[in-house]
Amino acid sequence: MALSLEDKMRIQTLREQGLGAKAIRAAYPHKGWKLITLKKICQRIDKTGSAVERKVGSGRPKSARTAANVAMVHEMICSQEDEPGTSKSTRQIAGELGISATSVRTIAKADLGLSSFRRMPVQVISEATRLKRLTRSKQLIRRLTAQKTKKVFFTDEKLFYVSPPVNSQNDRVWSAGRKRDVNPQRLLVQRAKFSASVMVSAGVCYGGKGSLHFVAEKAKINADYYTNNLLPQLIEDCNNVAPKDFIFQQDGAPAHTSRLAQNWLEQHTPDFIKKDEWPPNSPDLNPLDFHVWGAMLERYQAHTPKPKNKAELKTVLQAVWDDLPQEPIDRAILSFRSRLLACIRAQGDHFEHLL
């Protein structure tokens, strides 16, 4: 029977007190220690000063973390210079080298000093879009001072599903035994192939948020619907929570940039960011996109019980919206100018990975 670390430390204490192997066994007869084992441990203590210290080179060799494997992992795990995407996954490397994926990760972290980072999904930015993002960010940074940024009422629309997508990579179930023995209710996550959804529209500003507006079922958010149904509600929110001289913001969706919507805003707002002023393809600049919707989704996914239909989904979303704290929203809005500056430093290209 193998001795525990506690037993070895007890034996070391007795040995340091001058007891031999026979005396140590006699002191603990209920342990059933073998005399030959005690003699070996006493010899180790006499030679190394420790009951648990191993000899140099003893134990299982580092069969996977050889110099050759470390060199091969170094070559394959990082993209080649000026060739993004040429790297291989830990599983691919493990398959080619004939070692475990765990060993590959250990080599990457312990031997190569590398860190892993989660990939960030972003929109495709063409050269024309990049130049527009750069030019318009420069214009906005000059126009919207820190004080004026607090007057901007940011708006957006978002689609929420009754059964939101699940990240199976991070959603794990821990259980003893085999996978087949786990209760299916713990292991399986049911999601309809075509989950019911609800489209919402909302706006936020420094110091307040408007109401959560639900888009009518089967309604298409075209210029007519947006101008006649959503804009009046959003402007009413502005009058309730924003400064009197607010600046209305919307992104470059076709319904937003339509002549009908632009003319309506000219007549009903003290100021707004026109269609040729907001940077295109810029969810990284709108606080609703880079903070509010994510915060809502996180709270929605943690909510119990889960909604079963659209009516219940609306009820949950309304409760989540009402409970959203204002302080993080204010911080997101105050970061707007720093994001504009980051976009400018990136020459209109992606910049969130630099924040």
Protein backbone atom coordinates (compact mmCIF):
# COMPACT_ATOMS: atom_id res chain seq x y z
CA MET A 1 0.00 0.00 0.00
CA ALA A 2 1.40 3.38 -1.01
CA LEU A 3 2.15 5.78 1.81
CA SER A 4 0.39 9.13 1.88
CA LEU A 5 2.28 12.41 2.04
CA GLU A 6 1.07 12.82 5.64
CA ASP A 7 2.53 9.39 6.55
CA LYS A 8 5.87 10.22 4.94
CA MET A 9 6.10 13.52 6.81
CA ARG A 10 5.29 11.69 10.10
CA ILE A 11 8.03 9.15 9.36
CA GLN A 12 10.48 11.98 8.61
CA THR A 13 9.73 13.60 11.96
CA LEU A 14 10.35 10.32 13.82
CA ARG A 15 13.55 9.67 11.86
CA GLU A 16 14.84 13.14 12.70
CA GLN A 17 14.18 12.26 16.35
CA GLY A 18 16.59 9.31 15.99
CA LEU A 19 14.15 6.41 15.57
CA GLY A 20 15.02 3.55 13.20
CA ALA A 21 12.71 1.67 10.83
CA LYS A 22 11.73 -0.99 13.42
CA ALA A 23 10.99 1.60 16.09
CA ILE A 24 8.88 3.65 13.69
CA ARG A 25 6.84 0.57 12.72
CA ALA A 26 6.35 -0.30 16.38
CA ALA A 27 5.12 3.23 17.14
CA TYR A 28 2.29 2.88 14.58
CA PRO A 29 1.35 -0.84 14.40
CA HIS A 30 -2.15 -0.04 13.10
CA LYS A 31 -0.69 1.49 9.96
CA GLY A 32 0.60 -1.85 8.67
CA TRP A 33 3.78 -0.29 7.28
CA LYS A 34 6.26 -2.76 5.75
CA LEU A 35 9.71 -2.77 7.28
CA ILE A 36 11.47 -2.73 3.89
CA THR A 37 9.48 0.36 2.89
CA LEU A 38 10.37 2.15 6.11
CA LYS A 39 14.06 1.32 5.63
CA LYS A 40 14.02 2.84 2.11
CA ILE A 41 12.36 5.99 3.37
CA CYS A 42 14.84 6.28 6.24
CA GLN A 43 17.71 5.92 3.75
CA ARG A 44 16.18 8.65 1.58
CA ILE A 45 15.82 10.96 4.58
CA ASP A 46 19.43 10.32 5.60
CA LYS A 47 20.66 11.01 2.05
CA THR A 48 18.46 13.88 0.90
CA GLY A 49 16.95 15.28 4.11
CA SER A 50 13.39 14.65 2.86
CA ALA A 51 11.04 11.69 2.87
CA VAL A 52 9.40 12.83 -0.36
CA GLU A 53 12.30 14.19 -2.39
CA ARG A 54 13.06 12.20 -5.52
CA LYS A 55 16.43 11.54 -7.06
CA VAL A 56 17.38 13.59 -10.09
CA GLY A 57 16.01 11.82 -13.16
CA SER A 58 13.59 9.67 -11.22
CA GLY A 59 9.88 9.55 -12.01
CA ARG A 60 8.09 9.57 -15.34
CA PRO A 61 10.14 11.19 -18.13
CA LYS A 62 8.81 14.18 -20.09
CA SER A 63 8.14 12.04 -23.16
CA ALA A 64 5.92 14.61 -24.90
CA ARG A 65 7.76 17.83 -24.03
CA THR A 66 10.95 16.99 -25.88
CA ALA A 67 13.05 19.64 -27.58
CA ALA A 68 11.92 18.37 -30.98
CA ASN A 69 8.23 18.58 -30.05
CA VAL A 70 8.67 22.05 -28.55
CA ALA A 71 10.29 23.24 -31.79
CA MET A 72 7.52 21.72 -33.92
CA VAL A 73 4.75 23.23 -31.77
CA HIS A 74 6.48 26.62 -31.99
CA GLU A 75 6.51 26.35 -35.78
CA MET A 76 2.88 25.25 -36.17
CA ILE A 77 0.93 27.04 -33.42
CA CYS A 78 1.57 30.65 -34.52
CA SER A 79 0.73 32.12 -37.93
CA GLN A 80 3.69 32.69 -40.18
CA GLU A 81 4.96 36.24 -40.68
CA ASP A 82 2.56 38.21 -42.93
CA GLU A 83 0.41 35.08 -43.36
CA PRO A 84 -2.51 35.31 -40.90
CA GLY A 85 -4.56 32.16 -40.49
CA THR A 86 -1.69 29.75 -41.26
CA SER A 87 -1.51 28.50 -37.68
CA LYS A 88 -2.88 25.10 -36.67
CA SER A 89 -5.14 24.23 -33.75
CA THR A 90 -3.88 22.29 -30.74
CA ARG A 91 -5.87 19.27 -31.92
CA GLN A 92 -4.33 19.41 -35.40
CA ILE A 93 -0.85 19.71 -33.93
CA ALA A 94 -1.52 16.86 -31.50
CA GLY A 95 -2.64 14.66 -34.39
CA GLU A 96 0.44 15.41 -36.48
CA LEU A 97 2.93 14.96 -33.62
CA GLY A 98 1.18 11.97 -32.04
CA ILE A 99 0.90 13.58 -28.61
CA SER A 100 -2.11 14.74 -26.60
CA ALA A 101 -3.75 18.14 -27.06
CA THR A 102 -3.10 18.74 -23.35
CA SER A 103 0.64 18.29 -23.96
CA VAL A 104 0.48 20.75 -26.85
CA ARG A 105 -1.20 23.34 -24.62
CA THR A 106 1.37 22.70 -21.87
CA ILE A 107 4.23 23.19 -24.32
CA ALA A 108 2.65 26.40 -25.62
CA LYS A 109 2.18 27.85 -22.12
CA ALA A 110 5.08 26.46 -20.09
CA ASP A 111 7.83 25.99 -22.67
CA LEU A 112 7.03 28.72 -25.22
CA GLY A 113 5.46 31.27 -22.86
CA LEU A 114 2.47 31.80 -25.17
CA SER A 115 -1.03 32.97 -24.23
CA SER A 116 -4.28 32.05 -25.96
CA PHE A 117 -6.91 34.62 -26.92
CA ARG A 118 -10.50 34.11 -28.00
CA ARG A 119 -11.23 35.07 -31.59
CA MET A 120 -13.47 38.13 -31.99
CA PRO A 121 -16.16 38.04 -34.70
CA VAL A 122 -16.17 41.31 -36.66
CA GLN A 123 -17.73 42.66 -39.81
CA VAL A 124 -15.86 42.73 -43.10
CA ILE A 125 -14.47 46.20 -43.74
CA SER A 126 -13.70 47.03 -47.36
CA GLU A 127 -11.18 49.69 -48.31
CA ALA A 128 -13.97 52.16 -49.17
CA THR A 129 -15.69 51.49 -45.84
CA ARG A 130 -12.43 51.87 -43.96
CA LEU A 131 -11.83 55.30 -45.47
CA LYS A 132 -15.39 56.40 -44.62
CA ARG A 133 -14.98 55.18 -41.04
CA LEU A 134 -11.74 57.12 -40.76
CA THR A 135 -13.07 60.33 -42.30
CA ARG A 136 -16.35 60.38 -40.39
CA SER A 137 -14.69 59.45 -37.08
CA LYS A 138 -12.43 62.47 -37.50
CA GLN A 139 -15.45 64.67 -38.17
CA LEU A 140 -17.36 63.32 -35.16
CA ILE A 141 -14.44 63.70 -32.75
CA ARG A 142 -14.27 67.38 -33.69
CA ARG A 143 -18.02 67.87 -33.47
CA LEU A 144 -18.84 65.88 -30.33
CA THR A 145 -16.86 67.24 -27.41
CA ALA A 146 -16.97 65.40 -24.09
CA GLN A 147 -19.85 67.62 -23.00
CA LYS A 148 -21.79 67.18 -26.24
CA THR A 149 -21.35 63.41 -26.10
CA LYS A 150 -23.49 63.47 -22.96
CA LYS A 151 -26.30 64.94 -25.07
CA VAL A 152 -26.28 62.19 -27.70
CA PHE A 153 -29.25 59.80 -27.66
CA PHE A 154 -27.93 56.54 -29.15
CA THR A 155 -30.51 54.21 -30.75
CA ASP A 156 -30.59 50.77 -32.34
CA GLU A 157 -32.73 47.69 -33.03
CA LYS A 158 -32.03 44.15 -31.85
CA LEU A 159 -33.49 40.69 -32.45
CA PHE A 160 -33.89 38.42 -29.40
CA TYR A 161 -34.74 34.71 -29.64
CA VAL A 162 -36.86 32.59 -27.30
CA SER A 163 -34.05 30.01 -27.48
CA PRO A 164 -30.79 31.97 -27.87
CA PRO A 165 -27.71 30.19 -29.27
CA VAL A 166 -25.61 28.32 -26.69
CA ASN A 167 -21.81 28.32 -26.65
CA SER A 168 -21.27 24.58 -26.20
CA GLN A 169 -17.52 25.11 -25.77
CA ASN A 170 -18.03 26.82 -22.41
CA ASP A 171 -21.35 25.25 -21.32
CA ARG A 172 -20.08 22.12 -19.57
CA VAL A 173 -21.65 19.53 -17.23
CA TRP A 174 -19.40 17.89 -14.64
CA SER A 175 -20.36 14.43 -13.43
CA ALA A 176 -18.77 11.24 -12.10
CA GLY A 177 -18.86 8.17 -14.30
CA ARG A 178 -19.58 7.91 -18.00
CA LYS A 179 -21.36 10.36 -20.28
CA ARG A 180 -24.14 7.85 -20.95
CA ASP A 181 -24.96 7.77 -17.24
CA VAL A 182 -25.61 11.52 -16.96
CA ASN A 183 -29.25 12.57 -16.66
CA PRO A 184 -30.34 13.75 -20.15
CA GLN A 185 -32.07 16.77 -18.59
CA ARG A 186 -28.65 17.95 -17.40
CA LEU A 187 -26.76 17.13 -20.57
CA LEU A 188 -29.09 18.02 -23.44
CA VAL A 189 -30.03 21.58 -24.40
CA GLN A 190 -33.10 21.71 -26.60
CA ARG A 191 -33.41 24.51 -29.14
CA ALA A 192 -35.93 24.77 -31.92
CA LYS A 193 -34.46 24.84 -35.43
CA PHE A 194 -36.35 28.06 -36.12
CA SER A 195 -36.69 29.75 -32.74
CA ALA A 196 -39.38 32.38 -32.24
CA SER A 197 -37.97 35.89 -31.98
CA VAL A 198 -38.88 39.45 -31.04
CA MET A 199 -37.40 42.64 -32.50
CA VAL A 200 -36.92 45.55 -30.10
CA SER A 201 -35.98 49.19 -30.56
CA ALA A 202 -34.49 51.40 -27.85
CA GLY A 203 -32.27 54.36 -27.07
CA VAL A 204 -29.92 55.41 -24.27
CA CYS A 205 -28.14 58.57 -23.25
CA TYR A 206 -25.89 59.69 -20.43
CA GLY A 207 -28.04 59.65 -17.31
CA GLY A 208 -31.04 57.77 -18.66
CA LYS A 209 -32.50 55.18 -20.98
CA GLY A 210 -35.71 55.30 -22.99
CA SER A 211 -38.44 52.68 -23.16
CA LEU A 212 -38.08 49.27 -24.76
CA HIS A 213 -40.25 49.29 -27.90
CA PHE A 214 -41.40 46.04 -29.48
CA VAL A 215 -41.64 45.94 -33.25
CA ALA A 216 -45.00 44.64 -34.47
CA GLU A 217 -45.02 40.95 -35.37
CA LYS A 218 -44.22 40.30 -39.05
CA ALA A 219 -43.55 44.01 -39.55
CA LYS A 220 -40.72 44.90 -41.90
CA ILE A 221 -38.62 47.80 -40.66
CA ASN A 222 -38.67 49.81 -43.86
CA ALA A 223 -38.61 53.59 -44.21
CA ASP A 224 -42.36 53.91 -43.72
CA TYR A 225 -42.61 51.72 -40.59
CA TYR A 226 -39.50 53.20 -39.02
CA THR A 227 -40.55 56.81 -39.63
CA ASN A 228 -44.21 56.49 -38.67
CA ASN A 229 -43.96 53.98 -35.80
CA LEU A 230 -40.52 53.87 -34.19
CA LEU A 231 -39.15 57.39 -34.61
CA PRO A 232 -42.06 59.12 -32.79
CA GLN A 233 -41.60 56.78 -29.83
CA LEU A 234 -37.83 57.30 -29.75
CA ILE A 235 -38.18 61.08 -29.90
CA GLU A 236 -40.70 60.91 -27.07
CA ASP A 237 -38.04 59.04 -25.09
CA CYS A 238 -35.56 61.80 -25.92
CA ASN A 239 -37.93 64.41 -24.53
CA ASN A 240 -38.35 62.35 -21.34
CA VAL A 241 -34.75 61.41 -20.51
CA ALA A 242 -32.36 63.45 -22.67
CA PRO A 243 -31.34 67.12 -22.49
CA LYS A 244 -33.59 69.53 -24.41
CA ASP A 245 -30.84 70.14 -26.95
CA PHE A 246 -30.25 66.41 -27.52
CA ILE A 247 -28.45 64.98 -30.56
CA PHE A 248 -30.24 61.99 -32.09
CA GLN A 249 -28.07 59.11 -33.34
CA GLN A 250 -28.91 56.16 -35.56
CA ASP A 251 -26.78 53.84 -37.66
CA GLY A 252 -26.68 53.46 -41.43
CA ALA A 253 -29.54 50.96 -41.86
CA PRO A 254 -31.52 51.68 -45.06
CA ALA A 255 -34.66 52.65 -43.12
CA HIS A 256 -32.61 55.14 -41.09
CA THR A 257 -30.90 56.76 -44.07
CA SER A 258 -34.05 56.99 -46.19
CA ARG A 259 -35.15 60.44 -47.34
CA LEU A 260 -38.41 60.01 -45.42
CA ALA A 261 -36.62 59.40 -42.09
CA GLN A 262 -34.01 62.10 -42.67
CA ASN A 263 -36.66 64.72 -43.49
CA TRP A 264 -38.73 63.71 -40.46
CA LEU A 265 -35.72 64.12 -38.16
CA GLU A 266 -34.97 67.52 -39.67
CA GLN A 267 -38.43 68.65 -38.59
CA HIS A 268 -38.73 66.97 -35.18
CA THR A 269 -35.28 67.10 -33.55
CA PRO A 270 -33.02 69.95 -32.42
CA ASP A 271 -30.06 68.10 -33.94
CA PHE A 272 -29.18 64.66 -35.30
CA ILE A 273 -26.30 62.79 -36.90
CA LYS A 274 -27.12 62.72 -40.61
CA LYS A 275 -26.74 59.71 -42.89
CA ASP A 276 -23.40 60.88 -44.28
CA GLU A 277 -21.98 61.62 -40.82
CA TRP A 278 -22.19 58.28 -38.97
CA PRO A 279 -19.32 55.86 -39.78
CA PRO A 280 -20.59 52.82 -41.74
CA ASN A 281 -20.32 49.26 -40.35
CA SER A 282 -19.61 50.61 -36.87
CA PRO A 283 -21.27 48.55 -34.12
CA ASP A 284 -17.98 49.11 -32.27
CA LEU A 285 -18.96 52.78 -31.87
CA ASN A 286 -22.58 52.45 -30.74
CA PRO A 287 -22.97 51.84 -26.95
CA LEU A 288 -26.07 49.73 -27.56
CA ASP A 289 -24.10 47.39 -29.82
CA PHE A 290 -20.91 47.09 -27.80
CA HIS A 291 -22.51 47.13 -24.32
CA VAL A 292 -26.29 47.33 -23.84
CA TRP A 293 -27.46 44.43 -26.02
CA GLY A 294 -24.73 42.15 -24.65
CA ALA A 295 -25.65 43.05 -21.07
CA MET A 296 -29.30 42.31 -21.82
CA LEU A 297 -28.51 38.97 -23.45
CA GLU A 298 -26.34 37.93 -20.50
CA ARG A 299 -29.12 38.70 -18.03
CA TYR A 300 -31.72 37.06 -20.26
CA GLN A 301 -29.72 33.82 -20.49
CA ALA A 302 -29.40 33.74 -16.69
CA HIS A 303 -33.12 34.32 -16.17
CA THR A 304 -35.27 31.47 -14.84
CA PRO A 305 -37.70 30.12 -15.75
CA LYS A 306 -37.01 30.41 -19.46
CA PRO A 307 -39.76 31.90 -21.66
CA LYS A 308 -41.62 29.43 -23.84
CA ASN A 309 -43.21 31.81 -26.35
CA LYS A 310 -43.08 35.38 -27.66
CA ALA A 311 -45.42 36.77 -25.02
CA GLU A 312 -43.26 35.41 -22.21
CA LEU A 313 -40.12 36.57 -24.03
CA LYS A 314 -41.46 40.14 -24.14
CA THR A 315 -42.21 40.03 -20.42
CA VAL A 316 -38.69 38.83 -19.59
CA LEU A 317 -37.02 41.35 -21.91
CA GLN A 318 -39.02 44.18 -20.38
CA ALA A 319 -37.97 43.12 -16.89
CA VAL A 320 -34.33 42.81 -17.97
CA TRP A 321 -34.44 46.26 -19.60
CA ASP A 322 -36.01 47.88 -16.55
CA ASP A 323 -33.33 46.37 -14.28
CA LEU A 324 -30.34 47.40 -16.42
CA PRO A 325 -28.15 49.64 -14.24
CA GLN A 326 -27.45 53.10 -15.62
CA GLU A 327 -23.86 53.44 -14.42
CA PRO A 328 -22.34 50.91 -16.90
CA ILE A 329 -24.37 52.55 -19.69
CA ASP A 330 -22.95 55.94 -18.73
CA ARG A 331 -19.43 54.51 -18.79
CA ALA A 332 -20.05 53.05 -22.24
CA ILE A 333 -21.26 56.42 -23.52
CA LEU A 334 -18.28 58.22 -22.01
CA SER A 335 -16.01 55.76 -23.85
CA PHE A 336 -17.48 56.88 -27.20
CA ARG A 337 -14.80 59.51 -27.84
CA SER A 338 -11.97 57.15 -26.91
CA ARG A 339 -13.40 54.64 -29.38
CA LEU A 340 -13.49 57.30 -32.08
CA LEU A 341 -9.83 58.02 -31.35
CA ALA A 342 -9.04 54.29 -31.48
CA CYS A 343 -10.80 54.05 -34.85
CA ILE A 344 -8.73 56.98 -36.11
CA ARG A 345 -5.47 55.44 -34.84
CA ALA A 346 -6.44 52.21 -36.62
CA GLN A 347 -6.96 54.23 -39.83
CA GLY A 348 -10.63 53.22 -39.90
CA ASP A 349 -9.93 49.52 -39.50
CA HIS A 350 -10.99 47.22 -36.62
CA PHE A 351 -9.81 48.47 -33.25
CA GLU A 352 -11.68 46.59 -30.47
CA HIS A 353 -8.83 44.11 -30.07
CA LEU A 354 -6.62 47.08 -29.14
CA LEU A 355 -8.85 48.33 -26.30
